[in-house]
Amino acid sequence: MNAALLIDFGSTFTKVCSVDLDSEMILGTAQAPTTVRTDISIGLKEAFSILKETTGIETYTARLACSSAAGGLSVMASGVVESLTLKAARMAALGAGAKVTRGFHHYLTNSDLKIIEAEPPDIFLLAGGTDGGNSEIIIHNAGKLAGLKRAFPIVVAGNRAAADEVQTLLESAGWEVHVCPNIMPELDRLDIDPVNEIIRSIFLSRITHAKGIDKAGEFIDGVLMPTPYAVLSAAVLLADGTEEESGAGGLMVIDAGGATTDVHSVYDGYEVSDDVILHGIREPRIKRTVEGDMGVRYNASTIVETTGKESGGGLSGSGKNGFFQGMDAREIGELLLEIGGHPEILFGDSKKEFDRALCKAAVHTAVKRHCGTYEKHYTPHGARYLQQGKDFTGLGTIIGTGGPLVNDSNPAETLSACLFDGREPDSLRPRKPEIMIDKKYILYAMGLLASIDAGKALRIMKKEIIKISQEQPDGNNR
C-alpha cells in the first residue's frame, strides 16, 4: 500500500496519523504520552503500536514528522521600538513556528543579559531600525550579545546599513550568525518570509538534535518543521487552495493544547470604512499568535486566576460573566492540584465540565489577544474609530483543533466563547463564522503531507474537517 505515516512529537502527547495516498483516506490515528525526558522513541513506539492494531500497516512509503516537544523552538527577540520592530520580530518568529520566550526593546541592559544567559533560547532574533534609520541600537545590542558565555545562533534582520558591522562583530567573537533582509525595511512594510525560512532551516539542522528527536531516526525520514508551522501551513493551504483546486477562503484555526493555545489566521482584516483610522503596524495576512499562559494543562491555574480577575469573581471566576460560574472553589482547587501533578490526565464524565470551562476560557482569551480592537474617539467631524490590529468580525470560518477541543463532546459550545460579544464591543472577534472541527486531529499531518503533495492534503482536509455549526448569534457567548 502507498501510505504515509505522519507524526507530531507534542509537548504532552506524541500523535501519529496513517494516510492512504492513493485513495486519499485517513486510515487511522493514535497517540501516546511524549517521552522526551527519557527517550522520545518510546512514546513514538507506543503510539505506532496502537496505530498498527487499527490499520494493520507496518511499512510506509513516507514517514514525516513535526515537533513541539521539550518546549518546541524557543526564540528571544530584540528591536528598537516595542510597538514596531520588536512587534515585527515577534510576528516573524511566531510565523516560523517558534515560541517567543522573551522580547527586548531599545538598548539591551545588563539585567537583560542576565535573563538571556539564565534562560538561553534556541535562537536569538536581532532586529532594529528601518533601512537607513537607527543603527546605533542594533550595533550596541550585538556587542552586548557577543560578550555572553552561552552560545546560540543569532539571526540578524535589522537596518541593512548596520548588518555588515553587526555580522563582523558577532562572528569575530565566535558566534553563529545568519543575516537576513530587514524585517521592517520601512515603517509601513514588513518582510518576514526570509526570517521564517532561516529559523526553520536552523530548526532542521540543529534543534532537532538538541531536543533528542534524532533518537527516533530509525522510524522517520526526518523532522520537517516545528508543529505550529505544520498547522499554519495546513491552514494556508485550506484557505488558499492550489492552482488546480479552490480553497475555503479566510479562516482561523484555534489550536488548544496542554502547554499553549495557538491561534492561526489567514485573513486580511483591513477593509476599513471612512470612520475608521488604522493605527500601528499593519499585520500580515498570515498570522500566528501563541498564548503560553493559556495551556489547559500546564497553565490551568493561570487560566482560572486570569478568568476570575477579568470577571470580578476571584479565584473561582464566579463573577456574573465567569466561565467557572457556579463551580465550587474548593473543588476547583482540588482539580487544579490533580492537573498540576499529572498534566497528562484525561478527566472522566464527572469532571469534564471543568475541562470544558478551562478550554472555553483559554479559547476566549487567546482569540481576544489575536484579534484587533476599536477605540472610539470624538472629533469635530463626529465619532471616529481607531483600529489596532486586524478586524475579524467578517471572518467566514473557524476551525477547532487540539486535544481539548477534539475530545470535547460539544466543541461548538466551547468555541462559541471566542466569538464577538456585545459586552466587549471593542474586541474585533468573528461575529457569525461557520464553525468546524478537526475531529481526527489531522491539521498537523496535512501540513506535513502538503510538503510532498499539496493537492492530496487539501482534498483530505475538505473531507475530514467537519462543520459543527452554521452560525452563532451575537451577544452572550459565555
Protein backbone atom coordinates (compact mmCIF):
# COMPACT_ATOMS: atom_id res chain seq x y z
CA MET A 1 0.00 0.00 0.00
CA ASN A 2 1.15 3.52 -0.83
CA ALA A 3 0.78 5.03 2.63
CA ALA A 4 2.29 7.89 4.63
CA LEU A 5 2.99 7.96 8.37
CA LEU A 6 2.69 11.47 9.78
CA ILE A 7 3.98 12.17 13.29
CA ASP A 8 3.71 15.01 15.79
CA PHE A 9 6.03 14.96 18.82
CA GLY A 10 3.88 17.16 21.04
CA SER A 11 4.62 18.64 24.44
CA THR A 12 2.19 16.21 26.12
CA PHE A 13 1.32 13.54 23.57
CA THR A 14 3.00 12.03 20.50
CA LYS A 15 0.39 11.72 17.75
CA VAL A 16 0.54 9.55 14.64
CA CYS A 17 -1.66 9.54 11.54
CA SER A 18 -1.78 6.94 8.76
CA VAL A 19 -2.87 8.09 5.28
CA ASP A 20 -3.62 6.04 2.15
CA LEU A 21 -2.08 8.24 -0.55
CA ASP A 22 -3.93 6.51 -3.40
CA SER A 23 -7.47 6.70 -2.04
CA GLU A 24 -6.73 9.93 -0.10
CA MET A 25 -8.21 8.49 3.07
CA ILE A 26 -7.24 8.66 6.75
CA LEU A 27 -6.62 5.05 7.77
CA GLY A 28 -6.22 5.71 11.46
CA THR A 29 -4.82 7.92 14.19
CA ALA A 30 -3.33 7.20 17.62
CA GLN A 31 -1.44 8.87 20.43
CA ALA A 32 0.71 8.10 23.46
CA PRO A 33 2.39 10.27 26.13
CA THR A 34 5.51 12.01 24.84
CA THR A 35 8.69 10.67 26.46
CA VAL A 36 11.17 13.41 25.56
CA ARG A 37 12.65 13.45 29.09
CA THR A 38 13.86 9.85 28.70
CA ASP A 39 13.85 8.61 25.11
CA ILE A 40 11.39 10.17 22.68
CA SER A 41 11.24 6.99 20.61
CA ILE A 42 9.50 5.17 23.49
CA GLY A 43 6.34 7.26 23.15
CA LEU A 44 6.54 7.01 19.37
CA LYS A 45 6.77 3.22 19.51
CA GLU A 46 3.76 3.05 21.80
CA ALA A 47 1.68 5.30 19.52
CA PHE A 48 2.81 3.37 16.45
CA SER A 49 1.86 0.08 18.11
CA ILE A 50 -1.67 1.36 18.77
CA LEU A 51 -1.93 2.62 15.18
CA LYS A 52 -0.74 -0.73 13.81
CA GLU A 53 -3.53 -2.53 15.65
CA THR A 54 -6.03 -0.24 13.92
CA THR A 55 -4.59 -0.23 10.41
CA GLY A 56 -2.52 -3.39 10.17
CA ILE A 57 0.14 -1.39 8.35
CA GLU A 58 3.78 -1.65 9.35
CA THR A 59 5.64 -0.27 6.32
CA TYR A 60 5.20 3.23 4.90
CA THR A 61 6.48 4.90 1.74
CA ALA A 62 6.84 8.23 3.54
CA ARG A 63 7.38 8.93 7.25
CA LEU A 64 7.34 12.61 8.11
CA ALA A 65 7.40 14.34 11.49
CA CYS A 66 7.00 17.70 13.18
CA SER A 67 7.79 18.56 16.78
CA SER A 68 6.95 20.88 19.63
CA ALA A 69 8.36 18.58 22.32
CA ALA A 70 10.55 19.90 25.14
CA GLY A 71 9.09 23.37 24.77
CA GLY A 72 9.31 23.47 20.98
CA LEU A 73 11.50 26.06 19.28
CA SER A 74 12.30 28.93 21.65
CA VAL A 75 13.25 32.35 20.30
CA MET A 76 14.20 35.59 22.03
CA ALA A 77 13.94 38.80 20.03
CA SER A 78 15.06 42.39 20.30
CA GLY A 79 14.09 45.55 18.45
CA VAL A 80 14.21 49.31 18.78
CA VAL A 81 10.59 50.30 19.43
CA GLU A 82 8.33 47.85 21.24
CA SER A 83 5.30 48.52 19.05
CA LEU A 84 7.25 48.47 15.77
CA THR A 85 10.45 46.49 15.15
CA LEU A 86 10.09 44.30 18.26
CA LYS A 87 6.48 43.51 17.33
CA ALA A 88 7.64 42.70 13.79
CA ALA A 89 10.35 40.42 15.17
CA ARG A 90 7.79 38.60 17.31
CA MET A 91 5.49 38.09 14.31
CA ALA A 92 8.38 36.79 12.21
CA ALA A 93 9.44 34.25 14.85
CA LEU A 94 5.87 33.11 15.53
CA GLY A 95 5.24 32.71 11.81
CA ALA A 96 8.17 30.29 11.66
CA GLY A 97 6.56 28.08 14.28
CA ALA A 98 8.64 29.31 17.22
CA LYS A 99 7.65 30.26 20.74
CA VAL A 100 8.88 33.73 21.69
CA THR A 101 10.03 33.40 25.29
CA ARG A 102 11.35 36.95 25.75
CA GLY A 103 11.26 40.25 23.91
CA PHE A 104 13.56 43.23 24.47
CA HIS A 105 13.34 46.73 23.05
CA HIS A 106 15.77 49.65 22.85
CA TYR A 107 19.24 49.02 24.36
CA LEU A 108 19.93 45.64 25.97
CA THR A 109 20.77 46.16 29.63
CA ASN A 110 22.90 44.10 31.99
CA SER A 111 19.68 42.82 33.56
CA ASP A 112 18.51 41.71 30.11
CA LEU A 113 21.79 39.87 29.54
CA LYS A 114 21.41 38.01 32.83
CA ILE A 115 17.98 36.83 31.73
CA ILE A 116 19.32 35.69 28.35
CA GLU A 117 22.17 33.75 29.96
CA ALA A 118 19.89 32.19 32.59
CA GLU A 119 17.26 31.12 30.02
CA PRO A 120 19.21 30.77 26.74
CA PRO A 121 16.97 30.49 23.67
CA ASP A 122 17.40 28.13 20.75
CA ILE A 123 17.71 31.21 18.50
CA PHE A 124 18.07 34.95 19.11
CA LEU A 125 16.44 37.27 16.56
CA LEU A 126 18.32 40.57 16.48
CA ALA A 127 16.28 43.28 14.78
CA GLY A 128 16.01 47.05 14.93
CA GLY A 129 15.86 50.12 12.73
CA THR A 130 14.33 50.63 9.32
CA ASP A 131 16.74 50.67 6.39
CA GLY A 132 18.64 53.92 6.69
CA GLY A 133 17.19 54.54 10.14
CA ASN A 134 18.62 53.89 13.61
CA SER A 135 21.86 51.87 13.51
CA GLU A 136 23.24 52.60 16.96
CA ILE A 137 20.91 50.35 18.94
CA ILE A 138 21.29 47.15 16.92
CA ILE A 139 25.10 47.58 16.89
CA HIS A 140 25.10 48.17 20.65
CA ASN A 141 22.93 45.09 21.22
CA ALA A 142 25.16 42.94 19.01
CA GLY A 143 28.14 43.98 21.10
CA LYS A 144 26.32 43.01 24.29
CA LEU A 145 25.33 39.61 22.90
CA ALA A 146 28.89 38.98 21.67
CA GLY A 147 30.13 39.02 25.27
CA LEU A 148 27.76 36.31 26.53
CA LYS A 149 29.10 32.93 27.62
CA ARG A 150 26.12 30.90 26.41
CA ALA A 151 26.17 30.30 22.65
CA PHE A 152 23.16 30.05 20.31
CA PRO A 153 22.54 31.02 16.67
CA ILE A 154 21.77 34.71 16.09
CA VAL A 155 19.58 35.79 13.19
CA VAL A 156 20.23 39.42 12.18
CA ALA A 157 17.29 41.11 10.47
CA GLY A 158 17.56 44.84 11.10
CA ASN A 159 18.78 48.02 9.43
CA ARG A 160 20.73 46.90 6.36
CA ALA A 161 23.18 49.78 6.85
CA ALA A 162 24.32 48.14 10.10
CA ALA A 163 24.16 44.47 9.01
CA ASP A 164 27.81 44.12 7.94
CA GLU A 165 29.16 45.68 11.13
CA VAL A 166 26.85 43.55 13.29
CA GLN A 167 27.84 40.37 11.46
CA THR A 168 31.56 41.11 11.77
CA LEU A 169 31.24 41.96 15.45
CA LEU A 170 29.43 38.74 16.30
CA GLU A 171 31.42 36.39 14.08
CA SER A 172 34.74 37.72 15.38
CA ALA A 173 33.52 36.68 18.85
CA GLY A 174 32.82 33.16 17.60
CA TRP A 175 29.06 33.32 17.16
CA GLU A 176 26.98 31.55 14.51
CA VAL A 177 25.34 34.37 12.56
CA HIS A 178 22.64 34.36 9.88
CA VAL A 179 21.93 37.67 8.13
CA CYS A 180 18.50 38.27 6.57
CA PRO A 181 16.86 41.24 4.90
CA ASN A 182 15.38 43.73 7.33
CA ILE A 183 12.03 42.53 8.74
CA MET A 184 10.84 46.16 8.66
CA PRO A 185 12.63 47.95 5.81
CA GLU A 186 10.08 50.79 6.04
CA LEU A 187 7.73 51.83 8.84
CA ASP A 188 4.64 50.62 6.98
CA ARG A 189 6.09 47.50 5.36
CA LEU A 190 7.10 44.08 6.70
CA ASP A 191 9.32 41.46 5.09
CA ILE A 192 9.20 38.42 7.39
CA ASP A 193 9.36 35.46 4.97
CA PRO A 194 13.21 35.36 4.77
CA VAL A 195 13.41 35.25 8.58
CA ASN A 196 10.84 32.44 8.65
CA GLU A 197 12.93 30.39 6.24
CA ILE A 198 16.18 30.90 8.17
CA ILE A 199 14.60 29.99 11.52
CA ARG A 200 13.11 26.79 10.09
CA SER A 201 16.46 25.93 8.49
CA ILE A 202 18.21 26.27 11.86
CA PHE A 203 15.47 24.15 13.42
CA LEU A 204 16.15 21.36 10.93
CA SER A 205 19.93 21.46 11.17
CA ARG A 206 20.39 21.90 14.92
CA ILE A 207 17.34 21.99 17.12
CA THR A 208 16.01 18.52 16.34
CA HIS A 209 19.24 17.05 17.75
CA ALA A 210 19.18 19.30 20.80
CA LYS A 211 15.63 18.13 21.59
CA GLY A 212 16.54 14.46 21.24
CA ILE A 213 14.33 13.89 18.19
CA ASP A 214 17.21 12.16 16.42
CA LYS A 215 16.72 9.20 18.78
CA ALA A 216 13.65 8.33 16.74
CA GLY A 217 15.60 8.44 13.48
CA GLU A 218 15.04 4.79 12.60
CA PHE A 219 11.27 5.37 12.45
CA ILE A 220 11.13 8.60 10.42
CA ASP A 221 12.58 10.11 7.28
CA GLY A 222 13.13 13.40 9.05
CA VAL A 223 11.60 16.21 11.10
CA LEU A 224 10.47 18.73 8.55
CA MET A 225 9.21 21.60 10.68
CA PRO A 226 8.00 22.77 14.08
CA THR A 227 4.44 21.57 14.79
CA PRO A 228 2.91 25.08 14.81
CA TYR A 229 4.34 25.74 11.36
CA ALA A 230 2.82 22.46 10.11
CA VAL A 231 -0.60 23.57 11.38
CA LEU A 232 -0.16 27.04 9.89
CA SER A 233 0.88 25.52 6.54
CA ALA A 234 -2.28 23.41 6.53
CA ALA A 235 -4.39 26.49 7.34
CA VAL A 236 -2.88 28.45 4.45
CA LEU A 237 -3.43 25.54 2.07
CA LEU A 238 -7.06 25.10 3.14
CA ALA A 239 -7.73 28.85 2.85
CA ASP A 240 -5.99 29.48 -0.46
CA GLY A 241 -6.18 26.11 -2.20
CA THR A 242 -3.89 25.15 -5.08
CA GLU A 243 -3.68 26.20 -8.72
CA GLU A 244 -5.98 23.29 -9.58
CA GLU A 245 -8.43 23.48 -6.69
CA SER A 246 -10.01 26.34 -4.76
CA GLY A 247 -9.71 26.81 -1.02
CA ALA A 248 -12.21 27.80 1.66
CA GLY A 249 -11.26 31.48 1.88
CA GLY A 250 -10.34 33.41 5.01
CA LEU A 251 -10.24 31.29 8.17
CA MET A 252 -8.94 30.98 11.71
CA VAL A 253 -7.56 27.84 13.37
CA ILE A 254 -7.72 27.62 17.15
CA ASP A 255 -5.30 25.00 18.46
CA ALA A 256 -5.95 24.39 22.15
CA GLY A 257 -3.14 22.40 23.74
CA GLY A 258 -1.77 21.32 27.06
CA ALA A 259 1.12 23.81 27.04
CA THR A 260 -0.19 26.68 24.87
CA THR A 261 -3.24 27.81 22.96
CA ASP A 262 -2.25 28.89 19.46
CA VAL A 263 -4.33 30.89 17.01
CA HIS A 264 -3.54 30.82 13.29
CA SER A 265 -5.34 33.00 10.78
CA VAL A 266 -5.34 33.59 7.05
CA TYR A 267 -7.29 36.81 6.62
CA ASP A 268 -6.74 40.41 5.60
CA GLY A 269 -8.83 42.27 8.18
CA TYR A 270 -8.12 45.78 6.90
CA GLU A 271 -11.18 46.65 4.82
CA VAL A 272 -11.92 49.80 6.78
CA SER A 273 -14.72 52.33 6.35
CA ASP A 274 -14.41 56.12 6.25
CA ASP A 275 -14.90 56.47 10.00
CA VAL A 276 -12.07 54.06 10.87
CA ILE A 277 -8.42 55.09 11.19
CA LEU A 278 -5.69 52.44 11.20
CA HIS A 279 -3.10 52.72 13.95
CA GLY A 280 0.15 50.85 14.45
CA ILE A 281 1.85 48.18 12.41
CA ARG A 282 -0.14 46.54 9.61
CA GLU A 283 -0.13 42.84 10.43
CA PRO A 284 0.46 40.22 7.71
CA ARG A 285 -2.41 38.29 6.17
CA ILE A 286 -0.99 35.05 7.56
CA LYS A 287 -0.70 35.46 11.31
CA ARG A 288 0.02 33.25 14.30
CA THR A 289 -0.11 34.05 17.99
CA VAL A 290 0.89 31.83 20.91
CA GLU A 291 -0.51 32.16 24.40
CA GLY A 292 1.99 30.41 26.65
CA ASP A 293 -0.14 31.15 29.72
CA MET A 294 -3.25 29.50 28.25
CA GLY A 295 -2.23 25.83 28.06
CA VAL A 296 -5.16 23.89 29.51
CA ARG A 297 -2.88 21.56 31.46
CA TYR A 298 0.40 23.30 32.25
CA ASN A 299 -1.32 26.65 32.87
CA ALA A 300 -4.67 25.54 34.30
CA SER A 301 -4.21 27.56 37.50
CA THR A 302 -3.28 30.66 35.50
CA ILE A 303 -6.39 30.28 33.31
CA VAL A 304 -8.66 30.10 36.36
CA GLU A 305 -6.95 33.05 38.03
CA THR A 306 -6.97 35.20 34.87
CA THR A 307 -10.63 34.47 34.21
CA GLY A 308 -11.54 35.24 37.81
CA LYS A 309 -9.83 38.62 37.69
CA GLU A 310 -11.45 39.55 34.38
CA SER A 311 -14.94 38.65 35.60
CA GLY A 312 -14.53 40.12 39.08
CA GLY A 313 -15.19 36.79 40.70
CA GLY A 314 -11.90 35.95 42.41
CA LEU A 315 -10.07 32.65 42.03
CA SER A 316 -13.10 30.63 41.02
CA GLY A 317 -14.12 33.10 38.31
CA SER A 318 -17.57 33.04 39.83
CA GLY A 319 -18.46 36.57 38.75
CA LYS A 320 -21.53 37.05 36.59
CA ASN A 321 -19.53 36.57 33.37
CA GLY A 322 -17.11 33.91 34.62
CA PHE A 323 -16.55 30.64 32.76
CA PHE A 324 -16.39 28.86 36.12
CA GLN A 325 -19.64 30.38 37.36
CA GLY A 326 -21.43 28.14 39.84
CA MET A 327 -18.48 25.81 40.42
CA ASP A 328 -17.29 25.20 43.96
CA ALA A 329 -13.99 26.97 44.67
CA ARG A 330 -12.73 24.11 46.85
CA GLU A 331 -13.43 21.54 44.14
CA ILE A 332 -11.69 23.74 41.57
CA GLY A 333 -8.63 23.89 43.82
CA GLU A 334 -8.56 20.09 44.15
CA LEU A 335 -8.85 19.64 40.38
CA LEU A 336 -6.02 22.10 39.79
CA LEU A 337 -3.80 20.16 42.19
CA GLU A 338 -4.66 16.98 40.32
CA ILE A 339 -3.76 18.53 36.98
CA GLY A 340 -0.55 20.02 38.41
CA GLY A 341 0.67 16.59 39.49
CA HIS A 342 -0.44 14.79 36.33
CA PRO A 343 -0.72 17.14 33.32
CA GLU A 344 -1.38 14.19 31.01
CA ILE A 345 -4.58 13.30 32.90
CA LEU A 346 -7.83 12.86 30.96
CA PHE A 347 -10.86 13.53 33.15
CA GLY A 348 -13.91 11.29 33.17
CA ASP A 349 -17.50 12.40 32.71
CA SER A 350 -17.92 13.78 36.23
CA LYS A 351 -15.09 16.29 35.73
CA LYS A 352 -15.42 17.10 32.04
CA GLU A 353 -17.40 20.25 32.72
CA PHE A 354 -14.36 21.73 34.44
CA ASP A 355 -12.20 20.78 31.46
CA ARG A 356 -14.66 22.48 29.13
CA ALA A 357 -14.61 25.62 31.26
CA LEU A 358 -10.80 25.64 31.14
CA CYS A 359 -10.83 25.28 27.36
CA LYS A 360 -13.54 27.93 26.88
CA ALA A 361 -11.59 30.41 28.97
CA ALA A 362 -8.34 29.65 27.11
CA VAL A 363 -10.01 29.95 23.69
CA HIS A 364 -11.72 33.21 24.63
CA THR A 365 -8.52 34.83 25.87
CA ALA A 366 -6.33 33.57 23.03
CA VAL A 367 -8.66 34.77 20.27
CA LYS A 368 -9.25 38.09 22.02
CA ARG A 369 -5.49 38.68 22.06
CA HIS A 370 -5.18 37.61 18.40
CA CYS A 371 -7.86 39.98 17.12
CA GLY A 372 -7.68 43.72 16.80
CA THR A 373 -9.55 46.37 18.74
CA TYR A 374 -11.58 49.52 18.14
CA GLU A 375 -11.19 52.64 20.27
CA LYS A 376 -13.85 55.29 19.87
CA HIS A 377 -12.79 58.94 19.59
CA TYR A 378 -14.87 62.07 19.11
CA THR A 379 -13.69 64.66 16.60
CA PRO A 380 -15.18 67.88 15.20
CA HIS A 381 -16.43 65.69 12.34
CA GLY A 382 -18.15 63.17 14.60
CA ALA A 383 -17.19 59.80 16.05
CA ARG A 384 -14.12 58.06 14.65
CA TYR A 385 -12.74 54.63 15.47
CA LEU A 386 -9.06 53.89 15.94
CA GLN A 387 -8.36 50.32 14.80
CA GLN A 388 -5.31 48.49 16.12
CA GLY A 389 -4.64 45.07 14.61
CA LYS A 390 -6.98 43.20 12.31
CA ASP A 391 -10.76 43.24 12.17
CA PHE A 392 -12.01 39.63 12.19
CA THR A 393 -15.71 40.39 12.56
CA GLY A 394 -16.41 39.30 8.98
CA LEU A 395 -14.34 36.11 9.09
CA GLY A 396 -16.12 33.19 7.45
CA THR A 397 -14.67 30.06 9.09
CA ILE A 398 -13.28 28.96 12.45
CA ILE A 399 -11.66 25.54 12.85
CA GLY A 400 -11.04 23.99 16.25
CA THR A 401 -8.21 21.54 16.77
CA GLY A 402 -6.02 20.22 19.59
CA GLY A 403 -6.84 17.61 22.21
CA PRO A 404 -9.13 19.68 24.48
CA LEU A 405 -11.37 20.59 21.52
CA VAL A 406 -11.13 17.33 19.59
CA ASN A 407 -12.14 15.34 22.68
CA ASP A 408 -14.88 17.78 23.70
CA SER A 409 -18.41 16.34 23.44
CA ASN A 410 -19.72 19.80 22.50
CA PRO A 411 -16.92 21.72 20.75
CA ALA A 412 -19.39 24.17 19.16
CA GLU A 413 -20.35 25.44 22.61
CA THR A 414 -16.73 25.69 23.66
CA LEU A 415 -15.67 27.53 20.50
CA SER A 416 -18.58 29.97 20.84
CA ALA A 417 -16.53 31.54 23.65
CA CYS A 418 -14.25 33.11 21.04
CA LEU A 419 -16.98 34.93 19.13
CA PHE A 420 -17.92 38.60 19.18
CA ASP A 421 -19.56 39.53 22.46
CA GLY A 422 -21.76 42.61 22.81
CA ARG A 423 -20.32 43.18 26.28
CA GLU A 424 -16.88 43.66 24.71
CA PRO A 425 -17.71 45.68 21.57
CA ASP A 426 -14.15 46.94 21.21
CA SER A 427 -12.81 43.41 20.56
CA LEU A 428 -12.98 42.63 16.82
CA ARG A 429 -13.64 38.90 17.13
CA PRO A 430 -15.61 36.93 14.49
CA ARG A 431 -19.36 37.54 14.53
CA LYS A 432 -21.03 34.67 12.66
CA PRO A 433 -18.44 32.29 11.24
CA GLU A 434 -19.04 28.74 10.16
CA ILE A 435 -17.63 26.61 12.98
CA MET A 436 -15.76 23.41 12.10
CA ILE A 437 -13.75 20.81 13.98
CA ASP A 438 -10.62 18.88 13.09
CA LYS A 439 -12.13 15.83 14.79
CA LYS A 440 -9.36 13.41 13.85
CA TYR A 441 -6.67 15.96 14.68
CA ILE A 442 -5.10 15.91 11.23
CA LEU A 443 -4.14 19.54 10.54
CA TYR A 444 -0.52 18.99 11.61
CA ALA A 445 -0.48 15.85 9.45
CA MET A 446 -1.84 17.67 6.42
CA GLY A 447 0.76 20.39 6.86
CA LEU A 448 3.39 17.67 6.66
CA LEU A 449 1.72 15.91 3.73
CA ALA A 450 1.48 19.21 1.84
CA SER A 451 5.28 19.24 1.65
CA ILE A 452 5.11 16.26 -0.73
CA ASP A 453 1.59 16.55 -2.24
CA ALA A 454 -0.46 19.67 -1.53
CA GLY A 455 -3.41 18.52 -3.65
CA LYS A 456 -3.92 15.32 -1.67
CA ALA A 457 -3.60 17.20 1.62
CA LEU A 458 -6.21 19.76 0.54
CA ARG A 459 -8.75 17.17 -0.56
CA ILE A 460 -8.34 15.16 2.62
CA MET A 461 -8.93 18.26 4.75
CA LYS A 462 -12.07 19.10 2.80
CA LYS A 463 -13.42 15.63 3.59
CA GLU A 464 -12.29 15.26 7.17
CA ILE A 465 -12.69 18.71 8.75
CA ILE A 466 -16.39 18.77 9.52
CA LYS A 467 -18.93 21.53 10.07
CA ILE A 468 -20.47 21.58 13.54
CA SER A 469 -22.37 24.88 13.47
CA GLN A 470 -23.65 27.05 10.68
CA GLU A 471 -23.68 30.28 12.68
CA GLN A 472 -23.68 31.67 16.19
CA PRO A 473 -25.76 34.61 17.45
CA ASP A 474 -24.25 37.85 18.66
CA GLY A 475 -24.32 38.65 22.35
CA ASN A 476 -23.60 36.45 25.33
CA ASN A 477 -21.32 33.63 24.20
CA ARG A 478 -20.19 32.57 27.64
